[in-house]
PDB file of N, CA and C in Angstrom:
ATOM      1  N   MET A   1       0.052 -16.658   1.274  1.00  0.00           N
ATOM      2  CA  MET A   1      -0.049 -15.553   0.209  1.00  0.00           C
ATOM      3  C   MET A   1      -0.503 -14.225   0.141  1.00  0.00           C
ATOM      4  N   SER A   2      -1.275 -13.740   1.263  1.00  0.00           N
ATOM      5  CA  SER A   2      -1.610 -12.504   1.178  1.00  0.00           C
ATOM      6  C   SER A   2      -0.498 -11.364   1.647  1.00  0.00           C
ATOM      7  N   LYS A   3       1.098 -12.288   2.713  1.00  0.00           N
ATOM      8  CA  LYS A   3       2.049 -11.561   2.766  1.00  0.00           C
ATOM      9  C   LYS A   3       2.847 -10.922   1.917  1.00  0.00           C
ATOM     10  N   LEU A   4       2.246 -12.198   0.634  1.00  0.00           N
ATOM     11  CA  LEU A   4       3.511 -12.358  -0.363  1.00  0.00           C
ATOM     12  C   LEU A   4       2.771 -11.288  -1.644  1.00  0.00           C
ATOM     13  N   ILE A   5       1.771 -10.725  -1.681  1.00  0.00           N
ATOM     14  CA  ILE A   5       0.874  -9.719  -2.820  1.00  0.00           C
ATOM     15  C   ILE A   5       1.050  -9.087  -2.195  1.00  0.00           C
ATOM     16  N   ALA A   6       1.187  -8.399  -1.042  1.00  0.00           N
ATOM     17  CA  ALA A   6       1.518  -7.153  -0.484  1.00  0.00           C
ATOM     18  C   ALA A   6       2.979  -6.811  -0.017  1.00  0.00           C
ATOM     19  N   ILE A   7       3.576  -7.627  -0.576  1.00  0.00           N
ATOM     20  CA  ILE A   7       4.998  -7.366  -0.687  1.00  0.00           C
ATOM     21  C   ILE A   7       5.018  -6.920  -2.164  1.00  0.00           C
ATOM     22  N   LEU A   8       4.643  -8.158  -2.369  1.00  0.00           N
ATOM     23  CA  LEU A   8       4.810  -6.942  -3.814  1.00  0.00           C
ATOM     24  C   LEU A   8       4.036  -6.352  -4.992  1.00  0.00           C
ATOM     25  N   ASN A   9       3.059  -5.908  -4.040  1.00  0.00           N
ATOM     26  CA  ASN A   9       2.127  -4.342  -4.028  1.00  0.00           C
ATOM     27  C   ASN A   9       3.208  -3.078  -3.712  1.00  0.00           C
ATOM     28  N   VAL A  10       4.220  -3.134  -2.382  1.00  0.00           N
ATOM     29  CA  VAL A  10       4.672  -2.142  -1.908  1.00  0.00           C
ATOM     30  C   VAL A  10       5.715  -2.048  -3.270  1.00  0.00           C
ATOM     31  N   ILE A  11       6.303  -3.079  -3.802  1.00  0.00           N
ATOM     32  CA  ILE A  11       7.771  -3.628  -4.920  1.00  0.00           C
ATOM     33  C   ILE A  11       6.994  -2.704  -6.049  1.00  0.00           C
ATOM     34  N   ALA A  12       6.115  -3.366  -6.054  1.00  0.00           N
ATOM     35  CA  ALA A  12       5.099  -2.687  -7.727  1.00  0.00           C
ATOM     36  C   ALA A  12       5.541  -1.258  -7.355  1.00  0.00           C
ATOM     37  N   TRP A  13       4.349  -0.421  -5.996  1.00  0.00           N
ATOM     38  CA  TRP A  13       4.594   0.868  -6.720  1.00  0.00           C
ATOM     39  C   TRP A  13       5.400   1.541  -6.540  1.00  0.00           C
ATOM     40  N   ALA A  14       6.896   1.122  -5.953  1.00  0.00           N
ATOM     41  CA  ALA A  14       7.513   1.937  -6.448  1.00  0.00           C
ATOM     42  C   ALA A  14       8.422   1.606  -7.229  1.00  0.00           C
ATOM     43  N   GLY A  15       8.658   0.615  -7.710  1.00  0.00           N
ATOM     44  CA  GLY A  15       8.690   0.633  -9.130  1.00  0.00           C
ATOM     45  C   GLY A  15       8.680   1.638 -10.293  1.00  0.00           C
ATOM     46  N   PHE A  16       6.805   2.342 -10.263  1.00  0.00           N
ATOM     47  CA  PHE A  16       5.995   2.597 -10.718  1.00  0.00           C
ATOM     48  C   PHE A  16       6.614   4.545 -10.531  1.00  0.00           C
ATOM     49  N   TRP A  17       6.763   4.506  -9.495  1.00  0.00           N
ATOM     50  CA  TRP A  17       6.843   6.337  -9.113  1.00  0.00           C
ATOM     51  C   TRP A  17       8.700   6.079  -9.382  1.00  0.00           C
ATOM     52  N   ALA A  18       9.766   5.241  -9.339  1.00  0.00           N
ATOM     53  CA  ALA A  18      10.440   4.851  -9.178  1.00  0.00           C
ATOM     54  C   ALA A  18      11.016   5.475 -10.996  1.00  0.00           C
ATOM     55  N   PHE A  19      10.385   4.328 -12.138  1.00  0.00           N
ATOM     56  CA  PHE A  19      10.385   4.371 -13.585  1.00  0.00           C
ATOM     57  C   PHE A  19       9.949   5.539 -13.735  1.00  0.00           C
ATOM     58  N   GLY A  20       8.466   5.917 -13.448  1.00  0.00           N
ATOM     59  CA  GLY A  20       7.827   7.159 -13.838  1.00  0.00           C
ATOM     60  C   GLY A  20       8.972   8.436 -13.963  1.00  0.00           C
ATOM     61  N   TYR A  21       9.238   8.234 -12.432  1.00  0.00           N
ATOM     62  CA  TYR A  21       9.939   9.174 -12.389  1.00  0.00           C
ATOM     63  C   TYR A  21      11.525   9.795 -13.515  1.00  0.00           C
ATOM     64  N   LEU A  22      12.168   8.981 -13.825  1.00  0.00           N
ATOM     65  CA  LEU A  22      13.046   8.658 -14.563  1.00  0.00           C
ATOM     66  C   LEU A  22      12.643   8.663 -15.609  1.00  0.00           C
ATOM     67  N   ALA A  23      10.831   8.385 -16.321  1.00  0.00           N
ATOM     68  CA  ALA A  23      10.788   8.622 -17.503  1.00  0.00           C
ATOM     69  C   ALA A  23      10.593   9.887 -17.743  1.00  0.00           C
ATOM     70  N   LEU A  24      10.058  10.782 -16.763  1.00  0.00           N
ATOM     71  CA  LEU A  24       9.771  12.131 -16.628  1.00  0.00           C
ATOM     72  C   LEU A  24      10.806  13.317 -17.231  1.00  0.00           C
ATOM     73  N   THR A  25      12.217  12.486 -16.342  1.00  0.00           N
ATOM     74  CA  THR A  25      12.797  13.584 -16.786  1.00  0.00           C
ATOM     75  C   THR A  25      14.245  12.897 -17.082  1.00  0.00           C
ATOM     76  N   ALA A  26      13.553  11.879 -18.233  1.00  0.00           N
ATOM     77  CA  ALA A  26      14.824  11.444 -19.092  1.00  0.00           C
ATOM     78  C   ALA A  26      15.261  12.595 -20.523  1.00  0.00           C
ATOM     79  N   ASP A  27      16.287  12.394 -20.739  1.00  0.00           N
ATOM     80  CA  ASP A  27      16.896  13.052 -22.007  1.00  0.00           C
ATOM     81  C   ASP A  27      16.073  12.879 -23.148  1.00  0.00           C
ATOM     82  N   PRO A  28      14.913  14.317 -23.497  1.00  0.00           N
ATOM     83  CA  PRO A  28      14.498  13.914 -24.579  1.00  0.00           C
ATOM     84  C   PRO A  28      14.895  13.320 -26.440  1.00  0.00           C
ATOM     85  N   ALA A  29      16.417  13.686 -25.899  1.00  0.00           N
ATOM     86  CA  ALA A  29      17.264  13.077 -27.081  1.00  0.00           C
ATOM     87  C   ALA A  29      17.767  11.857 -27.216  1.00  0.00           C
ATOM     88  N   GLN A  30      16.850  11.314 -26.013  1.00  0.00           N
ATOM     89  CA  GLN A  30      17.585   9.548 -25.226  1.00  0.00           C
ATOM     90  C   GLN A  30      15.901   8.955 -24.922  1.00  0.00           C
ATOM     91  N   GLY A  31      16.041   9.340 -26.786  1.00  0.00           N
ATOM     92  CA  GLY A  31      14.049   8.416 -26.259  1.00  0.00           C
ATOM     93  C   GLY A  31      13.652   7.071 -26.463  1.00  0.00           C
ATOM     94  N   GLY A  32      14.775   6.375 -26.488  1.00  0.00           N
ATOM     95  CA  GLY A  32      14.448   4.733 -26.204  1.00  0.00           C
ATOM     96  C   GLY A  32      15.060   4.240 -24.677  1.00  0.00           C
ATOM     97  N   SER A  33      15.670   4.970 -24.107  1.00  0.00           N
ATOM     98  CA  SER A  33      15.897   5.219 -22.336  1.00  0.00           C
ATOM     99  C   SER A  33      14.542   5.735 -21.339  1.00  0.00           C
ATOM    100  N   MET A  34      13.636   6.652 -22.264  1.00  0.00           N
ATOM    101  CA  MET A  34      12.011   7.629 -21.682  1.00  0.00           C
ATOM    102  C   MET A  34      11.452   6.232 -21.824  1.00  0.00           C
ATOM    103  N   VAL A  35      11.009   5.399 -23.397  1.00  0.00           N
ATOM    104  CA  VAL A  35       9.991   4.515 -23.688  1.00  0.00           C
ATOM    105  C   VAL A  35      10.464   3.513 -22.394  1.00  0.00           C
ATOM    106  N   ILE A  36      11.099   2.759 -22.045  1.00  0.00           N
ATOM    107  CA  ILE A  36      12.352   1.450 -21.286  1.00  0.00           C
ATOM    108  C   ILE A  36      11.283   2.184 -19.557  1.00  0.00           C
ATOM    109  N   ALA A  37      11.949   2.973 -19.642  1.00  0.00           N
ATOM    110  CA  ALA A  37      11.517   3.572 -18.381  1.00  0.00           C
ATOM    111  C   ALA A  37       9.709   4.121 -18.348  1.00  0.00           C
ATOM    112  N   LEU A  38       9.412   3.940 -18.901  1.00  0.00           N
ATOM    113  CA  LEU A  38       7.606   4.501 -19.370  1.00  0.00           C
ATOM    114  C   LEU A  38       6.833   2.668 -19.244  1.00  0.00           C
ATOM    115  N   LEU A  39       8.026   2.208 -20.016  1.00  0.00           N
ATOM    116  CA  LEU A  39       7.034   1.014 -19.658  1.00  0.00           C
ATOM    117  C   LEU A  39       6.919  -0.079 -18.944  1.00  0.00           C
ATOM    118  N   LEU A  40       8.352   0.286 -18.122  1.00  0.00           N
ATOM    119  CA  LEU A  40       8.800   0.027 -16.988  1.00  0.00           C
ATOM    120  C   LEU A  40       7.564   0.621 -15.191  1.00  0.00           C
ATOM    121  N   ALA A  41       7.279   1.752 -15.844  1.00  0.00           N
ATOM    122  CA  ALA A  41       6.283   2.167 -15.401  1.00  0.00           C
ATOM    123  C   ALA A  41       4.707   1.847 -14.906  1.00  0.00           C
ATOM    124  N   ALA A  42       4.808   1.955 -16.441  1.00  0.00           N
ATOM    125  CA  ALA A  42       3.360   1.336 -16.328  1.00  0.00           C
ATOM    126  C   ALA A  42       3.152  -0.054 -16.278  1.00  0.00           C
ATOM    127  N   ALA A  43       4.610  -0.596 -16.462  1.00  0.00           N
ATOM    128  CA  ALA A  43       4.150  -2.721 -15.775  1.00  0.00           C
ATOM    129  C   ALA A  43       4.145  -2.804 -14.523  1.00  0.00           C
ATOM    130  N   GLY A  44       4.848  -1.782 -13.509  1.00  0.00           N
ATOM    131  CA  GLY A  44       4.181  -1.205 -11.862  1.00  0.00           C
ATOM    132  C   GLY A  44       2.718  -1.063 -11.562  1.00  0.00           C
ATOM    133  N   ALA A  45       2.764   0.559 -12.407  1.00  0.00           N
ATOM    134  CA  ALA A  45       1.003   0.462 -11.810  1.00  0.00           C
ATOM    135  C   ALA A  45       0.484  -0.909 -12.364  1.00  0.00           C
ATOM    136  N   ALA A  46       0.036  -1.283 -13.100  1.00  0.00           N
ATOM    137  CA  ALA A  46      -0.704  -2.442 -13.385  1.00  0.00           C
ATOM    138  C   ALA A  46      -0.431  -3.531 -12.566  1.00  0.00           C
ATOM    139  N   VAL A  47       0.454  -3.996 -12.458  1.00  0.00           N
ATOM    140  CA  VAL A  47       1.590  -4.780 -11.042  1.00  0.00           C
ATOM    141  C   VAL A  47       0.330  -4.216  -9.867  1.00  0.00           C
ATOM    142  N   GLY A  48       0.490  -3.263  -9.944  1.00  0.00           N
ATOM    143  CA  GLY A  48       0.329  -2.469  -8.628  1.00  0.00           C
ATOM    144  C   GLY A  48      -0.908  -2.910  -8.133  1.00  0.00           C
ATOM    145  N   MET A  49      -1.873  -2.141  -9.115  1.00  0.00           N
ATOM    146  CA  MET A  49      -3.477  -1.778  -8.817  1.00  0.00           C
ATOM    147  C   MET A  49      -4.101  -3.500  -9.247  1.00  0.00           C
ATOM    148  N   TRP A  50      -2.998  -4.427  -9.616  1.00  0.00           N
ATOM    149  CA  TRP A  50      -3.514  -5.474  -9.577  1.00  0.00           C
ATOM    150  C   TRP A  50      -3.428  -6.345  -8.192  1.00  0.00           C
ATOM    151  N   ALA A  51      -2.098  -6.296  -7.444  1.00  0.00           N
ATOM    152  CA  ALA A  51      -2.427  -6.601  -5.876  1.00  0.00           C
ATOM    153  C   ALA A  51      -3.259  -5.881  -5.203  1.00  0.00           C
ATOM    154  N   TYR A  52      -2.845  -4.572  -5.583  1.00  0.00           N
ATOM    155  CA  TYR A  52      -4.199  -3.666  -4.032  1.00  0.00           C
ATOM    156  C   TYR A  52      -5.893  -4.382  -4.093  1.00  0.00           C
ATOM    157  N   PHE A  53      -5.989  -4.850  -5.894  1.00  0.00           N
ATOM    158  CA  PHE A  53      -8.000  -5.080  -5.472  1.00  0.00           C
ATOM    159  C   PHE A  53      -7.328  -6.483  -5.616  1.00  0.00           C
ATOM    160  N   TRP A  54      -6.134  -7.300  -5.730  1.00  0.00           N
ATOM    161  CA  TRP A  54      -6.444  -8.430  -4.572  1.00  0.00           C
ATOM    162  C   TRP A  54      -6.999  -8.417  -3.344  1.00  0.00           C
ATOM    163  N   LEU A  55      -6.007  -7.273  -2.679  1.00  0.00           N
ATOM    164  CA  LEU A  55      -5.493  -7.822  -1.371  1.00  0.00           C
ATOM    165  C   LEU A  55      -7.059  -7.088  -0.766  1.00  0.00           C
ATOM    166  N   VAL A  56      -7.495  -6.194  -2.050  1.00  0.00           N
ATOM    167  CA  VAL A  56      -9.287  -5.318  -1.483  1.00  0.00           C
ATOM    168  C   VAL A  56      -9.677  -6.818  -1.287  1.00  0.00           C
ATOM    169  N   LYS A  57     -10.142  -7.666  -1.727  1.00  0.00           N
ATOM    170  CA  LYS A  57     -11.466  -8.553  -2.166  1.00  0.00           C
ATOM    171  C   LYS A  57     -10.500  -9.383  -0.983  1.00  0.00           C
ATOM    172  N   HIS A  58      -9.644  -9.704  -1.039  1.00  0.00           N
ATOM    173  CA  HIS A  58      -8.854 -11.141   0.514  1.00  0.00           C
ATOM    174  C   HIS A  58      -9.478 -10.813   1.555  1.00  0.00           C
ATOM    175  N   THR A  59      -9.437  -9.524   1.855  1.00  0.00           N
ATOM    176  CA  THR A  59      -9.394  -8.300   3.019  1.00  0.00           C
ATOM    177  C   THR A  59     -11.166  -8.618   3.673  1.00  0.00           C
ATOM    178  N   GLU A  60     -12.283  -8.443   1.852  1.00  0.00           N
ATOM    179  CA  GLU A  60     -13.417  -8.698   2.748  1.00  0.00           C
ATOM    180  C   GLU A  60     -13.686  -9.652   2.538  1.00  0.00           C
ATOM    181  N   ALA A  61     -13.221 -11.196   1.703  1.00  0.00           N
ATOM    182  CA  ALA A  61     -13.720 -12.517   1.647  1.00  0.00           C
ATOM    183  C   ALA A  61     -13.384 -13.060   2.997  1.00  0.00           C
ATOM    184  N   THR A  62     -11.972 -12.692   3.799  1.00  0.00           N
ATOM    185  CA  THR A  62     -11.581 -13.401   5.208  1.00  0.00           C
ATOM    186  C   THR A  62     -12.396 -12.417   5.854  1.00  0.00           C
ATOM    187  N   GLY A  63     -13.612 -11.585   6.024  1.00  0.00           N
ATOM    188  CA  GLY A  63     -13.815 -11.032   6.800  1.00  0.00           C
ATOM    189  C   GLY A  63     -12.967  -9.516   8.297  1.00  0.00           C
ATOM    190  N   TYR A  64     -11.428  -9.501   7.130  1.00  0.00           N
ATOM    191  CA  TYR A  64     -10.464  -8.135   8.246  1.00  0.00           C
ATOM    192  C   TYR A  64     -11.633  -7.422   8.074  1.00  0.00           C
ATOM    193  N   ALA A  65     -11.670  -7.024   7.052  1.00  0.00           N
ATOM    194  CA  ALA A  65     -12.196  -5.511   6.797  1.00  0.00           C
ATOM    195  C   ALA A  65     -13.559  -6.059   5.880  1.00  0.00           C
ATOM    196  N   LYS A  66     -14.825  -5.219   7.052  1.00  0.00           N
ATOM    197  CA  LYS A  66     -15.376  -5.143   6.537  1.00  0.00           C
ATOM    198  C   LYS A  66     -16.600  -5.104   4.658  1.00  0.00           C
ATOM    199  N   ARG A  67     -17.551  -4.936   4.004  1.00  0.00           N
ATOM    200  CA  ARG A  67     -17.576  -5.123   3.319  1.00  0.00           C
ATOM    201  C   ARG A  67     -17.664  -3.744   2.509  1.00  0.00           C
ATOM    202  N   SER A  68     -17.791  -3.444   1.145  1.00  0.00           N
ATOM    203  CA  SER A  68     -17.380  -1.873   1.192  1.00  0.00           C
ATOM    204  C   SER A  68     -19.202  -1.375   0.601  1.00  0.00           C
ATOM    205  N   THR A  69     -19.725  -0.536   1.614  1.00  0.00           N
ATOM    206  CA  THR A  69     -21.309  -0.459   0.897  1.00  0.00           C
ATOM    207  C   THR A  69     -20.699   0.794  -0.572  1.00  0.00           C
ATOM    208  N   SER A  70     -19.854   1.813  -0.848  1.00  0.00           N
ATOM    209  CA  SER A  70     -19.555   2.349  -1.479  1.00  0.00           C
ATOM    210  C   SER A  70     -19.909   1.392  -3.397  1.00  0.00           C
ATOM    211  N   ARG A  71     -20.387  -0.172  -3.468  1.00  0.00           N
ATOM    212  CA  ARG A  71     -20.268   0.056  -4.896  1.00  0.00           C
ATOM    213  C   ARG A  71     -21.480  -0.218  -5.073  1.00  0.00           C
ATOM    214  N   PRO A  72     -22.080  -0.322  -6.336  1.00  0.00           N
ATOM    215  CA  PRO A  72     -23.306  -1.445  -5.744  1.00  0.00           C
ATOM    216  C   PRO A  72     -23.710  -2.548  -6.208  1.00  0.00           C
ATOM    217  N   ARG A  73     -24.615  -3.461  -5.374  1.00  0.00           N
ATOM    218  CA  ARG A  73     -24.666  -4.214  -4.942  1.00  0.00           C
ATOM    219  C   ARG A  73     -25.164  -5.245  -6.336  1.00  0.00           C
ATOM    220  N   PHE A  74     -25.576  -6.360  -6.881  1.00  0.00           N
ATOM    221  CA  PHE A  74     -26.389  -6.077  -7.944  1.00  0.00           C
ATOM    222  C   PHE A  74     -27.132  -8.118  -7.767  1.00  0.00           C
ATOM    223  N   GLU A  75     -27.606  -8.015  -5.649  1.00  0.00           N
ATOM    224  CA  GLU A  75     -28.330  -8.907  -5.929  1.00  0.00           C
ATOM    225  C   GLU A  75     -30.037  -8.095  -5.639  1.00  0.00           C
ATOM    226  N   ALA A  76     -31.207  -9.126  -6.523  1.00  0.00           N
ATOM    227  CA  ALA A  76     -32.455  -8.814  -6.597  1.00  0.00           C
ATOM    228  C   ALA A  76     -33.123  -8.296  -4.730  1.00  0.00           C
ATOM    229  N   ASP A  77     -33.971  -6.725  -4.708  1.00  0.00           N
ATOM    230  CA  ASP A  77     -33.898  -7.136  -3.730  1.00  0.00           C
ATOM    231  C   ASP A  77     -35.284  -6.765  -3.331  1.00  0.00           C
ATOM    232  N   GLU A  78     -36.327  -7.468  -2.379  1.00  0.00           N
ATOM    233  CA  GLU A  78     -37.869  -8.122  -1.624  1.00  0.00           C
ATOM    234  C   GLU A  78     -38.501  -7.491  -2.613  1.00  0.00           C
ATOM    235  N   GLY A  79     -39.201  -8.188  -2.993  1.00  0.00           N
ATOM    236  CA  GLY A  79     -40.390  -7.059  -3.695  1.00  0.00           C
ATOM    237  C   GLY A  79     -40.340  -6.750  -5.188  1.00  0.00           C
ATOM    238  N   LEU A  80     -38.696  -6.858  -6.179  1.00  0.00           N
ATOM    239  CA  LEU A  80     -38.699  -6.479  -7.167  1.00  0.00           C
ATOM    240  C   LEU A  80     -38.385  -7.361  -8.234  1.00  0.00           C
ATOM    241  N   ASP A  81     -38.904  -8.372  -7.654  1.00  0.00           N
ATOM    242  CA  ASP A  81     -38.330  -9.956  -8.397  1.00  0.00           C
ATOM    243  C   ASP A  81     -39.712 -10.279  -9.480  1.00  0.00           C
ATOM    244  N   ALA A  82     -39.564 -10.759 -10.705  1.00  0.00           N
ATOM    245  CA  ALA A  82     -40.258 -10.710 -11.618  1.00  0.00           C
ATOM    246  C   ALA A  82     -41.439 -11.856 -11.971  1.00  0.00           C
TER     247      ALA A  82
END
């Protein structure tokens, strides 16, 4: 399953960059194609971020990558329990 999510991640980010470029370089007189390209780019970014975060969570859960210490953990510290 993780390989399929990784493939989805690559395809989604490729769609983001391709349709984002099309949205930025579209003729302003043709607003419909620009809006469609913008929506497809936004969808590619959303799916790409979802897939990336799913892969990060999966690799930490399976032990392939060690847990990140850069984000706060909300476990109770010793001596701070009320």
